[in-house]
Amino acid sequence: MIVTMLRQIAVEVGGGLRLIGVGGIGSAADAIERLAAGAHHVQIATAAMINPAVGIDIRDALARRAGVAVG
């Protein structure tokens, strides 16, 4: 549901606002889903408490999608 709402807002504002996907992001797949729906950024919180490496996992997945090497 949140992804549907994010997508609708992104269409309505047409790039006039920078959108941040927040809530329920616990994996790279979740972050990519929010970004694909129109978010410019994502925020993780609880997931990082459970898995401190989740931010690195998300960064690496996004870099792979963009064809960029990170290290």
PDB file of N, CA and C in Angstrom:
ATOM      1  N   MET A   1       0.817  -1.193   0.000  1.00  0.00           N
ATOM      2  CA  MET A   1       0.000   0.000   0.000  1.00  0.00           C
ATOM      3  C   MET A   1       0.867   1.267   0.000  1.00  0.00           C
ATOM      4  N   ILE A   2       1.922   1.272   0.794  1.00  0.00           N
ATOM      5  CA  ILE A   2       2.763   2.465   0.858  1.00  0.00           C
ATOM      6  C   ILE A   2       3.419   2.747  -0.485  1.00  0.00           C
ATOM      7  N   VAL A   3       3.777   1.705  -1.204  1.00  0.00           N
ATOM      8  CA  VAL A   3       4.415   1.896  -2.506  1.00  0.00           C
ATOM      9  C   VAL A   3       3.415   2.484  -3.493  1.00  0.00           C
ATOM     10  N   THR A   4       2.174   2.026  -3.435  1.00  0.00           N
ATOM     11  CA  THR A   4       1.126   2.576  -4.299  1.00  0.00           C
ATOM     12  C   THR A   4       0.915   4.052  -4.001  1.00  0.00           C
ATOM     13  N   MET A   5       0.862   4.402  -2.718  1.00  0.00           N
ATOM     14  CA  MET A   5       0.680   5.804  -2.338  1.00  0.00           C
ATOM     15  C   MET A   5       1.863   6.650  -2.786  1.00  0.00           C
ATOM     16  N   LEU A   6       3.060   6.136  -2.607  1.00  0.00           N
ATOM     17  CA  LEU A   6       4.259   6.858  -3.024  1.00  0.00           C
ATOM     18  C   LEU A   6       4.229   7.108  -4.523  1.00  0.00           C
ATOM     19  N   ARG A   7       3.852   6.091  -5.284  1.00  0.00           N
ATOM     20  CA  ARG A   7       3.773   6.220  -6.739  1.00  0.00           C
ATOM     21  C   ARG A   7       2.749   7.299  -7.127  1.00  0.00           C
ATOM     22  N   GLN A   8       1.594   7.299  -6.469  1.00  0.00           N
ATOM     23  CA  GLN A   8       0.554   8.292  -6.756  1.00  0.00           C
ATOM     24  C   GLN A   8       1.036   9.702  -6.435  1.00  0.00           C
ATOM     25  N   ILE A   9       1.684   9.871  -5.313  1.00  0.00           N
ATOM     26  CA  ILE A   9       2.195  11.190  -4.933  1.00  0.00           C
ATOM     27  C   ILE A   9       3.253  11.651  -5.922  1.00  0.00           C
ATOM     28  N   ALA A  10       4.140  10.753  -6.316  1.00  0.00           N
ATOM     29  CA  ALA A  10       5.193  11.107  -7.277  1.00  0.00           C
ATOM     30  C   ALA A  10       4.587  11.605  -8.583  1.00  0.00           C
ATOM     31  N   VAL A  11       3.518  10.964  -9.026  1.00  0.00           N
ATOM     32  CA  VAL A  11       2.849  11.395 -10.262  1.00  0.00           C
ATOM     33  C   VAL A  11       2.195  12.755 -10.054  1.00  0.00           C
ATOM     34  N   GLU A  12       1.517  12.929  -8.926  1.00  0.00           N
ATOM     35  CA  GLU A  12       0.800  14.177  -8.665  1.00  0.00           C
ATOM     36  C   GLU A  12       1.727  15.379  -8.542  1.00  0.00           C
ATOM     37  N   VAL A  13       2.860  15.219  -7.882  1.00  0.00           N
ATOM     38  CA  VAL A  13       3.756  16.366  -7.693  1.00  0.00           C
ATOM     39  C   VAL A  13       4.691  16.563  -8.869  1.00  0.00           C
ATOM     40  N   GLY A  14       4.806  15.561  -9.724  1.00  0.00           N
ATOM     41  CA  GLY A  14       5.581  15.690 -10.953  1.00  0.00           C
ATOM     42  C   GLY A  14       7.004  16.187 -10.767  1.00  0.00           C
ATOM     43  N   GLY A  15       7.674  15.746  -9.742  1.00  0.00           N
ATOM     44  CA  GLY A  15       9.055  16.165  -9.525  1.00  0.00           C
ATOM     45  C   GLY A  15       9.175  17.469  -8.762  1.00  0.00           C
ATOM     46  N   GLY A  16       8.048  18.045  -8.351  1.00  0.00           N
ATOM     47  CA  GLY A  16       8.075  19.308  -7.628  1.00  0.00           C
ATOM     48  C   GLY A  16       8.522  19.179  -6.183  1.00  0.00           C
ATOM     49  N   LEU A  17       8.552  17.976  -5.666  1.00  0.00           N
ATOM     50  CA  LEU A  17       8.993  17.717  -4.292  1.00  0.00           C
ATOM     51  C   LEU A  17       9.998  16.574  -4.299  1.00  0.00           C
ATOM     52  N   ARG A  18      10.953  16.627  -3.391  1.00  0.00           N
ATOM     53  CA  ARG A  18      11.875  15.509  -3.204  1.00  0.00           C
ATOM     54  C   ARG A  18      11.199  14.549  -2.228  1.00  0.00           C
ATOM     55  N   LEU A  19      10.950  13.336  -2.649  1.00  0.00           N
ATOM     56  CA  LEU A  19      10.242  12.365  -1.826  1.00  0.00           C
ATOM     57  C   LEU A  19      11.226  11.412  -1.155  1.00  0.00           C
ATOM     58  N   ILE A  20      10.917  11.072   0.099  1.00  0.00           N
ATOM     59  CA  ILE A  20      11.752  10.153   0.864  1.00  0.00           C
ATOM     60  C   ILE A  20      10.897   8.957   1.260  1.00  0.00           C
ATOM     61  N   GLY A  21      11.341   7.771   0.873  1.00  0.00           N
ATOM     62  CA  GLY A  21      10.649   6.545   1.262  1.00  0.00           C
ATOM     63  C   GLY A  21      11.077   6.159   2.669  1.00  0.00           C
ATOM     64  N   VAL A  22      10.108   6.079   3.577  1.00  0.00           N
ATOM     65  CA  VAL A  22      10.390   5.790   4.983  1.00  0.00           C
ATOM     66  C   VAL A  22       9.397   4.740   5.468  1.00  0.00           C
ATOM     67  N   GLY A  23       9.876   3.803   6.245  1.00  0.00           N
ATOM     68  CA  GLY A  23       8.994   2.819   6.865  1.00  0.00           C
ATOM     69  C   GLY A  23       8.997   1.484   6.141  1.00  0.00           C
ATOM     70  N   GLY A  24       9.333   0.460   6.865  1.00  0.00           N
ATOM     71  CA  GLY A  24       9.277  -0.885   6.314  1.00  0.00           C
ATOM     72  C   GLY A  24      10.399  -1.239   5.362  1.00  0.00           C
ATOM     73  N   ILE A  25      11.451  -0.452   5.346  1.00  0.00           N
ATOM     74  CA  ILE A  25      12.573  -0.737   4.454  1.00  0.00           C
ATOM     75  C   ILE A  25      13.585  -1.567   5.238  1.00  0.00           C
ATOM     76  N   GLY A  26      13.622  -2.859   4.919  1.00  0.00           N
ATOM     77  CA  GLY A  26      14.500  -3.761   5.639  1.00  0.00           C
ATOM     78  C   GLY A  26      15.485  -4.489   4.757  1.00  0.00           C
ATOM     79  N   SER A  27      15.457  -4.167   3.464  1.00  0.00           N
ATOM     80  CA  SER A  27      16.351  -4.867   2.538  1.00  0.00           C
ATOM     81  C   SER A  27      16.616  -3.991   1.321  1.00  0.00           C
ATOM     82  N   ALA A  28      17.574  -4.427   0.527  1.00  0.00           N
ATOM     83  CA  ALA A  28      17.864  -3.719  -0.721  1.00  0.00           C
ATOM     84  C   ALA A  28      16.650  -3.746  -1.637  1.00  0.00           C
ATOM     85  N   ALA A  29      15.942  -4.870  -1.670  1.00  0.00           N
ATOM     86  CA  ALA A  29      14.750  -4.971  -2.523  1.00  0.00           C
ATOM     87  C   ALA A  29      13.698  -3.939  -2.116  1.00  0.00           C
ATOM     88  N   ASP A  30      13.517  -3.739  -0.811  1.00  0.00           N
ATOM     89  CA  ASP A  30      12.559  -2.733  -0.332  1.00  0.00           C
ATOM     90  C   ASP A  30      12.981  -1.335  -0.765  1.00  0.00           C
ATOM     91  N   ALA A  31      14.255  -1.030  -0.624  1.00  0.00           N
ATOM     92  CA  ALA A  31      14.759   0.291  -1.003  1.00  0.00           C
ATOM     93  C   ALA A  31      14.594   0.519  -2.500  1.00  0.00           C
ATOM     94  N   ILE A  32      14.938  -0.477  -3.289  1.00  0.00           N
ATOM     95  CA  ILE A  32      14.814  -0.360  -4.747  1.00  0.00           C
ATOM     96  C   ILE A  32      13.356  -0.181  -5.139  1.00  0.00           C
ATOM     97  N   GLU A  33      12.454  -0.881  -4.460  1.00  0.00           N
ATOM     98  CA  GLU A  33      11.025  -0.745  -4.740  1.00  0.00           C
ATOM     99  C   GLU A  33      10.551   0.687  -4.493  1.00  0.00           C
ATOM    100  N   ARG A  34      10.985   1.290  -3.379  1.00  0.00           N
ATOM    101  CA  ARG A  34      10.581   2.672  -3.063  1.00  0.00           C
ATOM    102  C   ARG A  34      11.155   3.654  -4.080  1.00  0.00           C
ATOM    103  N   LEU A  35      12.412   3.451  -4.457  1.00  0.00           N
ATOM    104  CA  LEU A  35      13.042   4.335  -5.439  1.00  0.00           C
ATOM    105  C   LEU A  35      12.356   4.209  -6.795  1.00  0.00           C
ATOM    106  N   ALA A  36      12.007   2.994  -7.176  1.00  0.00           N
ATOM    107  CA  ALA A  36      11.314   2.774  -8.451  1.00  0.00           C
ATOM    108  C   ALA A  36       9.923   3.397  -8.443  1.00  0.00           C
ATOM    109  N   ALA A  37       9.328   3.517  -7.253  1.00  0.00           N
ATOM    110  CA  ALA A  37       7.996   4.105  -7.135  1.00  0.00           C
ATOM    111  C   ALA A  37       8.023   5.629  -7.155  1.00  0.00           C
ATOM    112  N   GLY A  38       9.220   6.222  -7.082  1.00  0.00           N
ATOM    113  CA  GLY A  38       9.305   7.671  -7.172  1.00  0.00           C
ATOM    114  C   GLY A  38      10.043   8.369  -6.052  1.00  0.00           C
ATOM    115  N   ALA A  39      10.484   7.621  -5.045  1.00  0.00           N
ATOM    116  CA  ALA A  39      11.258   8.248  -3.969  1.00  0.00           C
ATOM    117  C   ALA A  39      12.624   8.664  -4.501  1.00  0.00           C
ATOM    118  N   HIS A  40      13.098   9.800  -4.029  1.00  0.00           N
ATOM    119  CA  HIS A  40      14.440  10.258  -4.386  1.00  0.00           C
ATOM    120  C   HIS A  40      15.474   9.711  -3.409  1.00  0.00           C
ATOM    121  N   HIS A  41      15.020   9.427  -2.203  1.00  0.00           N
ATOM    122  CA  HIS A  41      15.882   8.923  -1.136  1.00  0.00           C
ATOM    123  C   HIS A  41      15.088   7.894  -0.342  1.00  0.00           C
ATOM    124  N   VAL A  42      15.782   7.076   0.430  1.00  0.00           N
ATOM    125  CA  VAL A  42      15.122   6.179   1.374  1.00  0.00           C
ATOM    126  C   VAL A  42      15.793   6.333   2.729  1.00  0.00           C
ATOM    127  N   GLN A  43      15.028   6.044   3.767  1.00  0.00           N
ATOM    128  CA  GLN A  43      15.557   6.104   5.130  1.00  0.00           C
ATOM    129  C   GLN A  43      15.362   4.748   5.782  1.00  0.00           C
ATOM    130  N   ILE A  44      16.395   4.260   6.423  1.00  0.00           N
ATOM    131  CA  ILE A  44      16.270   3.033   7.203  1.00  0.00           C
ATOM    132  C   ILE A  44      16.509   3.383   8.664  1.00  0.00           C
ATOM    133  N   ALA A  45      15.850   2.663   9.546  1.00  0.00           N
ATOM    134  CA  ALA A  45      16.055   2.904  10.974  1.00  0.00           C
ATOM    135  C   ALA A  45      16.081   1.570  11.709  1.00  0.00           C
ATOM    136  N   THR A  46      14.916   1.003  11.956  1.00  0.00           N
ATOM    137  CA  THR A  46      14.833  -0.239  12.715  1.00  0.00           C
ATOM    138  C   THR A  46      15.650  -1.347  12.066  1.00  0.00           C
ATOM    139  N   ALA A  47      15.628  -1.414  10.752  1.00  0.00           N
ATOM    140  CA  ALA A  47      16.378  -2.464  10.047  1.00  0.00           C
ATOM    141  C   ALA A  47      17.861  -2.404  10.385  1.00  0.00           C
ATOM    142  N   ALA A  48      18.387  -1.209  10.567  1.00  0.00           N
ATOM    143  CA  ALA A  48      19.811  -1.062  10.895  1.00  0.00           C
ATOM    144  C   ALA A  48      20.108  -1.521  12.322  1.00  0.00           C
ATOM    145  N   MET A  49      19.113  -1.462  13.190  1.00  0.00           N
ATOM    146  CA  MET A  49      19.305  -1.973  14.549  1.00  0.00           C
ATOM    147  C   MET A  49      19.338  -3.499  14.550  1.00  0.00           C
ATOM    148  N   ILE A  50      18.548  -4.081  13.661  1.00  0.00           N
ATOM    149  CA  ILE A  50      18.485  -5.538  13.564  1.00  0.00           C
ATOM    150  C   ILE A  50      19.675  -6.088  12.787  1.00  0.00           C
ATOM    151  N   ASN A  51      20.015  -5.403  11.697  1.00  0.00           N
ATOM    152  CA  ASN A  51      21.121  -5.828  10.831  1.00  0.00           C
ATOM    153  C   ASN A  51      21.984  -4.608  10.528  1.00  0.00           C
ATOM    154  N   PRO A  52      23.038  -4.381  11.291  1.00  0.00           N
ATOM    155  CA  PRO A  52      23.865  -3.190  11.083  1.00  0.00           C
ATOM    156  C   PRO A  52      24.461  -3.066   9.680  1.00  0.00           C
ATOM    157  N   ALA A  53      24.512  -4.148   8.934  1.00  0.00           N
ATOM    158  CA  ALA A  53      25.087  -4.111   7.582  1.00  0.00           C
ATOM    159  C   ALA A  53      24.058  -3.794   6.505  1.00  0.00           C
ATOM    160  N   VAL A  54      22.802  -3.563   6.879  1.00  0.00           N
ATOM    161  CA  VAL A  54      21.764  -3.362   5.864  1.00  0.00           C
ATOM    162  C   VAL A  54      22.053  -2.145   4.988  1.00  0.00           C
ATOM    163  N   GLY A  55      22.602  -1.098   5.540  1.00  0.00           N
ATOM    164  CA  GLY A  55      22.933   0.084   4.736  1.00  0.00           C
ATOM    165  C   GLY A  55      23.972  -0.231   3.670  1.00  0.00           C
ATOM    166  N   ILE A  56      24.946  -1.025   4.043  1.00  0.00           N
ATOM    167  CA  ILE A  56      25.975  -1.438   3.084  1.00  0.00           C
ATOM    168  C   ILE A  56      25.363  -2.341   2.020  1.00  0.00           C
ATOM    169  N   ASP A  57      24.477  -3.249   2.436  1.00  0.00           N
ATOM    170  CA  ASP A  57      23.796  -4.132   1.480  1.00  0.00           C
ATOM    171  C   ASP A  57      23.004  -3.320   0.461  1.00  0.00           C
ATOM    172  N   ILE A  58      22.292  -2.303   0.940  1.00  0.00           N
ATOM    173  CA  ILE A  58      21.495  -1.452   0.050  1.00  0.00           C
ATOM    174  C   ILE A  58      22.411  -0.677  -0.888  1.00  0.00           C
ATOM    175  N   ARG A  59      23.465  -0.082  -0.344  1.00  0.00           N
ATOM    176  CA  ARG A  59      24.416   0.653  -1.180  1.00  0.00           C
ATOM    177  C   ARG A  59      24.983  -0.238  -2.279  1.00  0.00           C
ATOM    178  N   ASP A  60      25.399  -1.439  -1.909  1.00  0.00           N
ATOM    179  CA  ASP A  60      26.000  -2.347  -2.884  1.00  0.00           C
ATOM    180  C   ASP A  60      25.002  -2.763  -3.960  1.00  0.00           C
ATOM    181  N   ALA A  61      23.764  -3.029  -3.567  1.00  0.00           N
ATOM    182  CA  ALA A  61      22.739  -3.418  -4.544  1.00  0.00           C
ATOM    183  C   ALA A  61      22.453  -2.279  -5.510  1.00  0.00           C
ATOM    184  N   LEU A  62      22.376  -1.058  -4.987  1.00  0.00           N
ATOM    185  CA  LEU A  62      22.131   0.096  -5.860  1.00  0.00           C
ATOM    186  C   LEU A  62      23.312   0.324  -6.796  1.00  0.00           C
ATOM    187  N   ALA A  63      24.511   0.141  -6.291  1.00  0.00           N
ATOM    188  CA  ALA A  63      25.704   0.301  -7.128  1.00  0.00           C
ATOM    189  C   ALA A  63      25.724  -0.739  -8.242  1.00  0.00           C
ATOM    190  N   ARG A  64      25.367  -1.986  -7.914  1.00  0.00           N
ATOM    191  CA  ARG A  64      25.319  -3.029  -8.951  1.00  0.00           C
ATOM    192  C   ARG A  64      24.304  -2.669 -10.028  1.00  0.00           C
ATOM    193  N   ARG A  65      23.146  -2.167  -9.615  1.00  0.00           N
ATOM    194  CA  ARG A  65      22.111  -1.785 -10.590  1.00  0.00           C
ATOM    195  C   ARG A  65      22.592  -0.656 -11.490  1.00  0.00           C
ATOM    196  N   ALA A  66      23.402   0.233 -10.937  1.00  0.00           N
ATOM    197  CA  ALA A  66      23.901   1.379 -11.703  1.00  0.00           C
ATOM    198  C   ALA A  66      25.189   1.050 -12.446  1.00  0.00           C
ATOM    199  N   GLY A  67      25.746  -0.131 -12.196  1.00  0.00           N
ATOM    200  CA  GLY A  67      26.996  -0.506 -12.841  1.00  0.00           C
ATOM    201  C   GLY A  67      28.196   0.252 -12.305  1.00  0.00           C
ATOM    202  N   VAL A  68      28.120   0.605 -11.014  1.00  0.00           N
ATOM    203  CA  VAL A  68      29.184   1.383 -10.381  1.00  0.00           C
ATOM    204  C   VAL A  68      29.897   0.499  -9.362  1.00  0.00           C
ATOM    205  N   ALA A  69      31.210   0.577  -9.341  1.00  0.00           N
ATOM    206  CA  ALA A  69      31.982  -0.179  -8.350  1.00  0.00           C
ATOM    207  C   ALA A  69      32.083   0.625  -7.063  1.00  0.00           C
ATOM    208  N   VAL A  70      31.876  -0.042  -5.943  1.00  0.00           N
ATOM    209  CA  VAL A  70      32.060   0.600  -4.636  1.00  0.00           C
ATOM    210  C   VAL A  70      33.022  -0.251  -3.835  1.00  0.00           C
ATOM    211  N   GLY A  71      33.638   0.347  -2.869  1.00  0.00           N
ATOM    212  CA  GLY A  71      34.583  -0.447  -2.087  1.00  0.00           C
ATOM    213  C   GLY A  71      34.839   0.131  -0.815  1.00  0.00           C
TER     214      GLY A  71
END
